[in-house]
Protein backbone atom coordinates (compact mmCIF):
# COMPACT_ATOMS: atom_id res chain seq x y z
CA MET A 1 14.28 11.46 -9.74
CA GLY A 2 10.80 13.60 -11.89
CA LYS A 3 8.44 15.33 -9.77
CA HIS A 4 5.69 12.34 -9.79
CA ASN A 5 8.19 9.81 -8.51
CA GLU A 6 9.67 12.23 -6.00
CA PHE A 7 5.82 12.41 -5.13
CA GLY A 8 5.56 8.88 -5.19
CA LYS A 9 8.14 8.27 -2.44
CA GLU A 10 6.76 11.15 -0.25
CA GLY A 11 3.36 9.43 -0.59
CA GLU A 12 4.88 6.43 0.25
CA GLN A 13 6.88 8.02 3.63
CA ILE A 14 3.28 9.70 5.04
CA ALA A 15 1.60 6.46 4.44
CA VAL A 16 3.89 4.54 6.15
CA ASP A 17 4.39 7.61 9.35
CA TYR A 18 0.51 7.25 9.30
CA LEU A 19 1.20 3.35 10.00
CA VAL A 20 2.99 3.85 12.77
CA LYS A 21 1.66 6.91 14.36
CA ASN A 22 -1.48 4.20 14.21
CA GLY A 23 0.08 1.12 15.86
CA TYR A 24 1.37 -0.82 12.93
CA THR A 25 5.00 -2.14 12.61
CA ILE A 26 6.66 -1.40 9.16
CA SER A 27 8.24 -5.40 8.19
CA TYR A 28 8.61 -4.12 4.86
CA LYS A 29 9.37 -1.65 2.26
CA ASN A 30 8.77 -1.90 -1.60
CA TYR A 31 8.70 -5.87 -1.27
CA ARG A 32 10.15 -7.01 -4.98
CA TYR A 33 8.49 -10.69 -6.25
CA LEU A 34 9.86 -11.48 -10.56
CA GLN A 35 7.05 -8.35 -11.49
CA ALA A 36 5.34 -7.32 -8.29
CA GLU A 37 6.17 -4.55 -6.10
CA ILE A 38 3.98 -4.51 -3.08
CA ASP A 39 4.67 -0.56 -1.04
CA ILE A 40 4.49 -1.38 2.48
CA ILE A 41 3.82 -4.65 4.35
CA ALA A 42 2.62 -3.72 7.39
CA LYS A 43 1.77 -5.97 11.19
CA LYS A 44 -0.88 -5.20 13.23
CA GLY A 45 -1.36 -7.71 16.01
CA ASP A 46 -1.75 -11.12 14.39
CA ILE A 47 -2.60 -9.17 10.83
CA LEU A 48 0.02 -8.50 8.19
CA ALA A 49 -1.51 -5.76 6.30
CA ILE A 50 -0.22 -5.19 2.05
CA VAL A 51 -0.48 -2.06 1.26
CA GLU A 52 -0.78 -0.64 -1.98
CA VAL A 53 0.14 3.58 -1.92
CA ARG A 54 -1.82 6.03 -4.42
CA SER A 55 -0.75 9.12 -4.30
CA ARG A 56 -1.89 12.21 -6.41
CA SER A 57 -2.37 15.98 -6.28
CA SER A 58 -5.56 16.17 -7.99
CA ASP A 59 -8.83 14.00 -7.85
CA PHE A 60 -9.99 14.43 -11.12
CA ILE A 61 -13.11 12.26 -12.68
CA GLU A 62 -11.82 8.71 -11.05
CA ASN A 63 -11.84 7.82 -7.59
CA ILE A 64 -7.95 7.16 -6.63
CA ALA A 65 -8.27 4.30 -5.28
CA GLU A 66 -10.10 2.57 -8.08
CA THR A 67 -6.84 3.13 -9.86
CA VAL A 68 -5.98 -0.30 -8.50
CA THR A 69 -6.33 -2.74 -11.65
CA PRO A 70 -7.70 -6.35 -11.27
CA LYS A 71 -3.82 -7.08 -13.00
CA LYS A 72 -2.03 -4.93 -9.84
CA ILE A 73 -4.19 -7.16 -7.50
CA LYS A 74 -3.52 -9.91 -8.89
CA LEU A 75 0.62 -8.72 -8.82
CA LEU A 76 -0.36 -8.18 -5.10
CA VAL A 77 -1.33 -11.31 -4.04
CA MET A 78 1.48 -13.26 -5.65
CA ALA A 79 3.99 -11.17 -3.75
CA ALA A 80 1.90 -11.58 -0.22
CA ASN A 81 2.11 -15.44 -0.97
CA GLN A 82 5.64 -15.53 -1.78
CA TYR A 83 6.50 -13.47 1.74
CA VAL A 84 4.45 -15.35 3.67
CA THR A 85 6.62 -18.08 1.95
CA ASP A 86 9.32 -16.64 2.29
CA LYS A 87 9.09 -15.77 5.91
CA ASN A 88 6.94 -19.05 6.96
CA ILE A 89 4.17 -16.38 8.97
CA ASP A 90 0.45 -17.61 9.66
CA VAL A 91 -0.39 -14.41 10.43
CA GLU A 92 -4.63 -13.65 8.16
CA VAL A 93 -3.26 -11.00 5.62
CA ARG A 94 -5.26 -8.08 4.69
CA PHE A 95 -5.42 -5.76 1.23
CA ASP A 96 -5.43 -1.93 2.11
CA ILE A 97 -5.39 0.92 0.14
CA ILE A 98 -3.84 4.04 1.72
CA THR A 99 -4.69 7.03 -1.01
CA ILE A 100 -2.66 10.44 -0.56
CA LEU A 101 -4.61 13.62 -1.81
CA LYS A 102 -2.81 15.92 -2.44
CA ASN A 103 -4.09 19.61 -2.30
CA LYS A 104 -1.68 22.64 -2.45
CA HIS A 105 0.35 21.83 0.62
CA LYS A 106 -2.43 20.26 1.98
CA PHE A 107 -2.29 16.46 2.31
CA GLU A 108 -5.62 14.23 2.77
CA LEU A 109 -4.68 10.65 3.97
CA GLU A 110 -7.61 7.65 3.59
CA HIS A 111 -6.28 4.39 4.88
CA LEU A 112 -9.00 1.79 2.98
CA GLU A 113 -8.61 -1.73 5.24
CA SER A 114 -9.90 -5.06 3.56
CA ALA A 115 -10.15 -3.10 0.37
CA PHE A 116 -10.15 -5.91 -1.82
CA PHE A 117 -10.04 -9.72 -1.60
CA HIS A 118 -8.61 -12.21 -3.59
CA PHE A 119 -9.98 -15.86 -4.62
């Protein structure tokens, strides 16, 4: 596995640990539907958080959260709809982004709740 993939998996684990520490229950990791993948599906109260994790080793030029494209958002919404339908659950769905920035040996995590809305 390449260093990029290893860091991505490490970032997802950091995000999972953060969510659990903050009262979320992890329902699913790496949920796939057709060409879409949701990094983390987590539940807290009556909210189902669809979490996209973005990890970078530097914050050059663009904000990490802004790397989530409209196409990616469309895929996340499609996969989330499928998950909710498959599980036959009635919950409020929220789309979050967790960004993880690695500076040397330190990680900075930011959790953006309701990072985007779908129509």
